Amino acid sequence: MVNSEWALQLAGNLLSNKKEKMKTLKISLISISAIFLLGAFTYLILDHYEVSKDFSIEFKSKDPSGSFKTMEGQIDFDEKDLASSNFDFKIDVRTISTGNGMMNKKAQTAEWFDAVKYPYAKFKSTKVEKKEGSTYNIIGNLTIKGITKSVTVPANYSKSGNKITFKGTFNVNRMDFKVGKKSEAVPDIMKVNFEIPAIGK
């Protein structure tokens, strides 16, 4: 009789310990899941910025030179998460300003930017690479006149409060995008200088 009571007590203790272990395991699994979910949300949330109106997009060559007056865009950027960072811009080619009214109109014709059919030049990043200091290579697709080419844009990064700025220079071969015809008067290579400030939202 004593042995039976002892056996029952032992079985009860084992069952109780098993339940406690299962409870502890469930709590541990829930805690681990919570940590992973928190990490995932932390990873997905990047600082979001929208391009401010005091941007500058200038193109220079022997002739012509000028700028674009209207640009829209947004930037998702985190120095610690470049793989998820993103740059998405569009420039209204109808706002080209060369300092010459007739030249502005000519630039919008079908031979050049064909502004009626393709009112925007667009850039969307595909990769961001860290270089020396505060310099980054922004690699992406540049689309002009419906033609898309991969370009690498080196840019210097700075931040002040909730405002970031990317500034730099790169070259565009206008013939790659069928902008105008080959001419001795107009160089193929256009130098583009940009300064793009963006405000955190």
C-alpha atoms as a PDB file:
ATOM      1  CA  MET A   1       0.000   0.000   0.000  1.00  0.00           C
ATOM      2  CA  VAL A   2       2.839   2.330   0.881  1.00  0.00           C
ATOM      3  CA  ASN A   3       4.546   1.511  -2.402  1.00  0.00           C
ATOM      4  CA  SER A   4       1.364   2.334  -4.334  1.00  0.00           C
ATOM      5  CA  GLU A   5       1.024   5.718  -2.617  1.00  0.00           C
ATOM      6  CA  TRP A   6       4.705   6.441  -3.280  1.00  0.00           C
ATOM      7  CA  ALA A   7       4.304   5.529  -6.940  1.00  0.00           C
ATOM      8  CA  LEU A   8       1.264   7.750  -7.302  1.00  0.00           C
ATOM      9  CA  GLN A   9       3.076  10.663  -5.622  1.00  0.00           C
ATOM     10  CA  LEU A  10       6.116  10.184  -7.887  1.00  0.00           C
ATOM     11  CA  ALA A  11       3.910  10.127 -10.993  1.00  0.00           C
ATOM     12  CA  GLY A  12       2.186  13.273  -9.820  1.00  0.00           C
ATOM     13  CA  ASN A  13       5.501  15.038  -9.260  1.00  0.00           C
ATOM     14  CA  LEU A  14       6.772  14.011 -12.692  1.00  0.00           C
ATOM     15  CA  LEU A  15       3.579  15.240 -14.341  1.00  0.00           C
ATOM     16  CA  SER A  16       3.775  18.532 -12.474  1.00  0.00           C
ATOM     17  CA  ASN A  17       7.434  19.019 -13.475  1.00  0.00           C
ATOM     18  CA  LYS A  18       6.576  18.253 -17.098  1.00  0.00           C
ATOM     19  CA  LYS A  19       3.800  20.860 -17.082  1.00  0.00           C
ATOM     20  CA  GLU A  20       6.165  23.453 -15.571  1.00  0.00           C
ATOM     21  CA  LYS A  21       8.789  22.688 -18.216  1.00  0.00           C
ATOM     22  CA  MET A  22       6.197  22.989 -21.008  1.00  0.00           C
ATOM     23  CA  LYS A  23       5.024  26.299 -19.550  1.00  0.00           C
ATOM     24  CA  THR A  24       8.612  27.582 -19.380  1.00  0.00           C
ATOM     25  CA  LEU A  25       9.226  26.431 -22.971  1.00  0.00           C
ATOM     26  CA  LYS A  26       6.105  28.234 -24.213  1.00  0.00           C
ATOM     27  CA  ILE A  27       7.147  31.444 -22.444  1.00  0.00           C
ATOM     28  CA  SER A  28      10.637  31.165 -23.956  1.00  0.00           C
ATOM     29  CA  LEU A  29       9.248  30.624 -27.466  1.00  0.00           C
ATOM     30  CA  ILE A  30       6.910  33.610 -27.097  1.00  0.00           C
ATOM     31  CA  SER A  31       9.810  35.788 -25.890  1.00  0.00           C
ATOM     32  CA  ILE A  32      12.025  34.720 -28.801  1.00  0.00           C
ATOM     33  CA  SER A  33       9.212  35.374 -31.291  1.00  0.00           C
ATOM     34  CA  ALA A  34       8.651  38.822 -29.809  1.00  0.00           C
ATOM     35  CA  ILE A  35      12.353  39.650 -30.141  1.00  0.00           C
ATOM     36  CA  PHE A  36      12.402  38.575 -33.794  1.00  0.00           C
ATOM     37  CA  LEU A  37       9.249  40.558 -34.579  1.00  0.00           C
ATOM     38  CA  LEU A  38      10.643  43.641 -32.862  1.00  0.00           C
ATOM     39  CA  GLY A  39      13.872  43.248 -34.827  1.00  0.00           C
ATOM     40  CA  ALA A  40      11.936  42.905 -38.068  1.00  0.00           C
ATOM     41  CA  PHE A  41       9.938  46.073 -37.467  1.00  0.00           C
ATOM     42  CA  THR A  42      13.094  47.928 -36.460  1.00  0.00           C
ATOM     43  CA  TYR A  43      14.747  46.775 -39.696  1.00  0.00           C
ATOM     44  CA  LEU A  44      11.841  47.855 -41.895  1.00  0.00           C
ATOM     45  CA  ILE A  45      11.408  51.355 -40.526  1.00  0.00           C
ATOM     46  CA  LEU A  46      13.845  53.672 -42.319  1.00  0.00           C
ATOM     47  CA  ASP A  47      14.100  57.440 -42.035  1.00  0.00           C
ATOM     48  CA  HIS A  48      11.860  58.901 -44.730  1.00  0.00           C
ATOM     49  CA  TYR A  49      12.611  62.226 -46.434  1.00  0.00           C
ATOM     50  CA  GLU A  50      10.970  64.299 -49.139  1.00  0.00           C
ATOM     51  CA  VAL A  51      12.931  66.556 -51.498  1.00  0.00           C
ATOM     52  CA  SER A  52      12.620  70.211 -50.509  1.00  0.00           C
ATOM     53  CA  LYS A  53      12.134  73.081 -52.940  1.00  0.00           C
ATOM     54  CA  ASP A  54      15.639  74.529 -52.537  1.00  0.00           C
ATOM     55  CA  PHE A  55      17.238  71.795 -54.674  1.00  0.00           C
ATOM     56  CA  SER A  56      19.607  72.481 -57.556  1.00  0.00           C
ATOM     57  CA  ILE A  57      19.949  70.435 -60.774  1.00  0.00           C
ATOM     58  CA  GLU A  58      22.312  72.038 -63.268  1.00  0.00           C
ATOM     59  CA  PHE A  59      23.781  70.742 -66.505  1.00  0.00           C
ATOM     60  CA  LYS A  60      26.898  72.196 -68.027  1.00  0.00           C
ATOM     61  CA  SER A  61      28.827  71.865 -71.261  1.00  0.00           C
ATOM     62  CA  LYS A  62      30.597  74.146 -73.695  1.00  0.00           C
ATOM     63  CA  ASP A  63      27.090  74.923 -74.968  1.00  0.00           C
ATOM     64  CA  PRO A  64      24.353  74.706 -73.800  1.00  0.00           C
ATOM     65  CA  SER A  65      24.158  74.980 -70.006  1.00  0.00           C
ATOM     66  CA  GLY A  66      21.190  75.454 -67.749  1.00  0.00           C
ATOM     67  CA  SER A  67      19.043  73.956 -65.011  1.00  0.00           C
ATOM     68  CA  PHE A  68      15.711  72.337 -64.224  1.00  0.00           C
ATOM     69  CA  LYS A  69      13.327  74.235 -61.968  1.00  0.00           C
ATOM     70  CA  THR A  70      10.912  71.516 -60.846  1.00  0.00           C
ATOM     71  CA  MET A  71      11.754  68.257 -59.162  1.00  0.00           C
ATOM     72  CA  GLU A  72       9.899  65.844 -56.904  1.00  0.00           C
ATOM     73  CA  GLY A  73      11.166  62.884 -54.982  1.00  0.00           C
ATOM     74  CA  GLN A  74      11.626  60.952 -51.810  1.00  0.00           C
ATOM     75  CA  ILE A  75      14.476  59.280 -50.007  1.00  0.00           C
ATOM     76  CA  ASP A  76      14.463  56.400 -47.541  1.00  0.00           C
ATOM     77  CA  PHE A  77      17.918  56.406 -46.019  1.00  0.00           C
ATOM     78  CA  ASP A  78      19.736  54.812 -43.115  1.00  0.00           C
ATOM     79  CA  GLU A  79      23.526  54.796 -42.914  1.00  0.00           C
ATOM     80  CA  LYS A  80      23.329  51.459 -41.081  1.00  0.00           C
ATOM     81  CA  ASP A  81      20.926  49.858 -43.563  1.00  0.00           C
ATOM     82  CA  LEU A  82      22.056  50.779 -47.060  1.00  0.00           C
ATOM     83  CA  ALA A  83      20.503  47.628 -48.514  1.00  0.00           C
ATOM     84  CA  SER A  84      17.030  48.994 -47.755  1.00  0.00           C
ATOM     85  CA  SER A  85      17.793  52.633 -48.612  1.00  0.00           C
ATOM     86  CA  ASN A  86      16.019  54.044 -51.637  1.00  0.00           C
ATOM     87  CA  PHE A  87      16.138  57.150 -53.856  1.00  0.00           C
ATOM     88  CA  ASP A  88      13.237  57.977 -56.172  1.00  0.00           C
ATOM     89  CA  PHE A  89      13.207  61.241 -58.159  1.00  0.00           C
ATOM     90  CA  LYS A  90      11.525  62.769 -61.166  1.00  0.00           C
ATOM     91  CA  ILE A  91      12.494  66.009 -62.925  1.00  0.00           C
ATOM     92  CA  ASP A  92      10.044  67.973 -65.030  1.00  0.00           C
ATOM     93  CA  VAL A  93      11.949  68.565 -68.285  1.00  0.00           C
ATOM     94  CA  ARG A  94       9.356  71.193 -69.270  1.00  0.00           C
ATOM     95  CA  THR A  95      10.935  73.472 -66.656  1.00  0.00           C
ATOM     96  CA  ILE A  96      14.328  73.550 -68.384  1.00  0.00           C
ATOM     97  CA  SER A  97      15.994  76.948 -68.167  1.00  0.00           C
ATOM     98  CA  THR A  98      18.976  77.798 -70.360  1.00  0.00           C
ATOM     99  CA  GLY A  99      18.684  81.574 -70.145  1.00  0.00           C
ATOM    100  CA  ASN A 100      17.390  81.616 -73.711  1.00  0.00           C
ATOM    101  CA  GLY A 101      13.639  81.337 -74.339  1.00  0.00           C
ATOM    102  CA  MET A 102      13.967  79.956 -77.852  1.00  0.00           C
ATOM    103  CA  MET A 103      16.478  77.361 -76.705  1.00  0.00           C
ATOM    104  CA  ASN A 104      14.132  76.327 -73.880  1.00  0.00           C
ATOM    105  CA  LYS A 105      11.355  75.675 -76.388  1.00  0.00           C
ATOM    106  CA  LYS A 106      13.677  73.789 -78.731  1.00  0.00           C
ATOM    107  CA  ALA A 107      14.841  71.566 -75.863  1.00  0.00           C
ATOM    108  CA  GLN A 108      11.246  70.398 -75.397  1.00  0.00           C
ATOM    109  CA  THR A 109      10.732  69.358 -79.020  1.00  0.00           C
ATOM    110  CA  ALA A 110      10.597  65.732 -80.183  1.00  0.00           C
ATOM    111  CA  GLU A 111      14.214  65.914 -81.373  1.00  0.00           C
ATOM    112  CA  TRP A 112      15.442  66.723 -77.903  1.00  0.00           C
ATOM    113  CA  PHE A 113      13.523  65.841 -74.705  1.00  0.00           C
ATOM    114  CA  ASP A 114      10.158  65.304 -76.414  1.00  0.00           C
ATOM    115  CA  ALA A 115       8.490  66.885 -73.384  1.00  0.00           C
ATOM    116  CA  VAL A 116       4.932  66.293 -74.607  1.00  0.00           C
ATOM    117  CA  LYS A 117       5.431  62.522 -74.709  1.00  0.00           C
ATOM    118  CA  TYR A 118       8.039  62.250 -71.936  1.00  0.00           C
ATOM    119  CA  PRO A 119       7.510  65.131 -69.484  1.00  0.00           C
ATOM    120  CA  TYR A 120       9.742  63.660 -66.800  1.00  0.00           C
ATOM    121  CA  ALA A 121      13.289  62.410 -66.470  1.00  0.00           C
ATOM    122  CA  LYS A 122      13.312  59.789 -63.712  1.00  0.00           C
ATOM    123  CA  PHE A 123      15.858  58.190 -61.423  1.00  0.00           C
ATOM    124  CA  LYS A 124      15.291  55.214 -59.122  1.00  0.00           C
ATOM    125  CA  SER A 125      18.095  53.664 -57.122  1.00  0.00           C
ATOM    126  CA  THR A 126      18.878  49.953 -57.156  1.00  0.00           C
ATOM    127  CA  LYS A 127      21.847  49.945 -54.785  1.00  0.00           C
ATOM    128  CA  VAL A 128      23.680  52.280 -52.399  1.00  0.00           C
ATOM    129  CA  GLU A 129      27.341  51.776 -51.572  1.00  0.00           C
ATOM    130  CA  LYS A 130      29.449  53.442 -48.885  1.00  0.00           C
ATOM    131  CA  LYS A 131      32.704  54.975 -50.111  1.00  0.00           C
ATOM    132  CA  GLU A 132      35.261  57.031 -48.209  1.00  0.00           C
ATOM    133  CA  GLY A 133      34.162  59.420 -45.486  1.00  0.00           C
ATOM    134  CA  SER A 134      30.654  60.718 -46.118  1.00  0.00           C
ATOM    135  CA  THR A 135      30.620  59.785 -49.814  1.00  0.00           C
ATOM    136  CA  TYR A 136      28.229  57.227 -51.263  1.00  0.00           C
ATOM    137  CA  ASN A 137      27.729  55.700 -54.690  1.00  0.00           C
ATOM    138  CA  ILE A 138      24.045  55.758 -55.587  1.00  0.00           C
ATOM    139  CA  ILE A 139      23.531  53.237 -58.366  1.00  0.00           C
ATOM    140  CA  GLY A 140      20.237  53.280 -60.203  1.00  0.00           C
ATOM    141  CA  ASN A 141      18.186  53.545 -63.363  1.00  0.00           C
ATOM    142  CA  LEU A 142      18.012  56.865 -65.162  1.00  0.00           C
ATOM    143  CA  THR A 143      15.136  57.164 -67.624  1.00  0.00           C
ATOM    144  CA  ILE A 144      14.993  59.930 -70.250  1.00  0.00           C
ATOM    145  CA  LYS A 145      12.707  59.862 -73.300  1.00  0.00           C
ATOM    146  CA  GLY A 146      11.536  56.392 -72.324  1.00  0.00           C
ATOM    147  CA  ILE A 147      15.100  55.016 -72.460  1.00  0.00           C
ATOM    148  CA  THR A 148      16.538  53.561 -69.257  1.00  0.00           C
ATOM    149  CA  LYS A 149      20.241  53.239 -68.490  1.00  0.00           C
ATOM    150  CA  SER A 150      22.075  52.236 -65.328  1.00  0.00           C
ATOM    151  CA  VAL A 151      24.187  55.057 -63.876  1.00  0.00           C
ATOM    152  CA  THR A 152      26.421  55.463 -60.848  1.00  0.00           C
ATOM    153  CA  VAL A 153      26.050  58.772 -59.038  1.00  0.00           C
ATOM    154  CA  PRO A 154      28.718  59.669 -56.445  1.00  0.00           C
ATOM    155  CA  ALA A 155      27.260  61.886 -53.740  1.00  0.00           C
ATOM    156  CA  ASN A 156      28.480  63.545 -50.587  1.00  0.00           C
ATOM    157  CA  TYR A 157      26.071  63.158 -47.661  1.00  0.00           C
ATOM    158  CA  SER A 158      25.457  65.596 -44.818  1.00  0.00           C
ATOM    159  CA  LYS A 159      22.804  65.894 -42.121  1.00  0.00           C
ATOM    160  CA  SER A 160      21.556  68.740 -39.948  1.00  0.00           C
ATOM    161  CA  GLY A 161      18.609  68.082 -37.666  1.00  0.00           C
ATOM    162  CA  ASN A 162      15.846  66.484 -39.721  1.00  0.00           C
ATOM    163  CA  LYS A 163      17.361  67.675 -43.005  1.00  0.00           C
ATOM    164  CA  ILE A 164      19.743  65.644 -45.152  1.00  0.00           C
ATOM    165  CA  THR A 165      21.579  66.759 -48.288  1.00  0.00           C
ATOM    166  CA  PHE A 166      23.200  64.828 -51.107  1.00  0.00           C
ATOM    167  CA  LYS A 167      25.555  66.786 -53.340  1.00  0.00           C
ATOM    168  CA  GLY A 168      27.727  65.759 -56.256  1.00  0.00           C
ATOM    169  CA  THR A 169      28.559  65.643 -59.959  1.00  0.00           C
ATOM    170  CA  PHE A 170      28.202  62.991 -62.656  1.00  0.00           C
ATOM    171  CA  ASN A 171      28.202  62.798 -66.443  1.00  0.00           C
ATOM    172  CA  VAL A 172      25.383  61.879 -68.797  1.00  0.00           C
ATOM    173  CA  ASN A 173      25.890  61.007 -72.441  1.00  0.00           C
ATOM    174  CA  ARG A 174      22.863  62.576 -74.153  1.00  0.00           C
ATOM    175  CA  MET A 175      23.288  60.264 -77.136  1.00  0.00           C
ATOM    176  CA  ASP A 176      22.518  57.264 -74.890  1.00  0.00           C
ATOM    177  CA  PHE A 177      19.024  58.738 -74.484  1.00  0.00           C
ATOM    178  CA  LYS A 178      18.630  60.088 -78.035  1.00  0.00           C
ATOM    179  CA  VAL A 179      18.458  63.665 -76.784  1.00  0.00           C
ATOM    180  CA  GLY A 180      19.273  65.694 -79.875  1.00  0.00           C
ATOM    181  CA  LYS A 181      21.453  64.627 -82.761  1.00  0.00           C
ATOM    182  CA  LYS A 182      25.213  64.300 -82.855  1.00  0.00           C
ATOM    183  CA  SER A 183      26.628  67.743 -83.442  1.00  0.00           C
ATOM    184  CA  GLU A 184      29.901  69.612 -83.237  1.00  0.00           C
ATOM    185  CA  ALA A 185      28.016  72.495 -81.659  1.00  0.00           C
ATOM    186  CA  VAL A 186      26.608  70.447 -78.755  1.00  0.00           C
ATOM    187  CA  PRO A 187      28.869  68.018 -76.855  1.00  0.00           C
ATOM    188  CA  ASP A 188      27.648  64.460 -76.250  1.00  0.00           C
ATOM    189  CA  ILE A 189      28.689  64.510 -72.607  1.00  0.00           C
ATOM    190  CA  MET A 190      26.729  66.749 -70.260  1.00  0.00           C
ATOM    191  CA  LYS A 191      28.067  67.404 -66.777  1.00  0.00           C
ATOM    192  CA  VAL A 192      25.314  67.359 -64.154  1.00  0.00           C
ATOM    193  CA  ASN A 193      25.811  69.147 -60.841  1.00  0.00           C
ATOM    194  CA  PHE A 194      23.236  68.500 -58.157  1.00  0.00           C
ATOM    195  CA  GLU A 195      22.419  69.431 -54.604  1.00  0.00           C
ATOM    196  CA  ILE A 196      19.368  67.685 -53.230  1.00  0.00           C
ATOM    197  CA  PRO A 197      18.172  68.593 -49.743  1.00  0.00           C
ATOM    198  CA  ALA A 198      15.363  66.547 -48.210  1.00  0.00           C
ATOM    199  CA  ILE A 199      13.292  67.007 -45.071  1.00  0.00           C
ATOM    200  CA  GLY A 200      12.406  64.179 -42.712  1.00  0.00           C
ATOM    201  CA  LYS A 201       8.710  63.286 -42.561  1.00  0.00           C
END
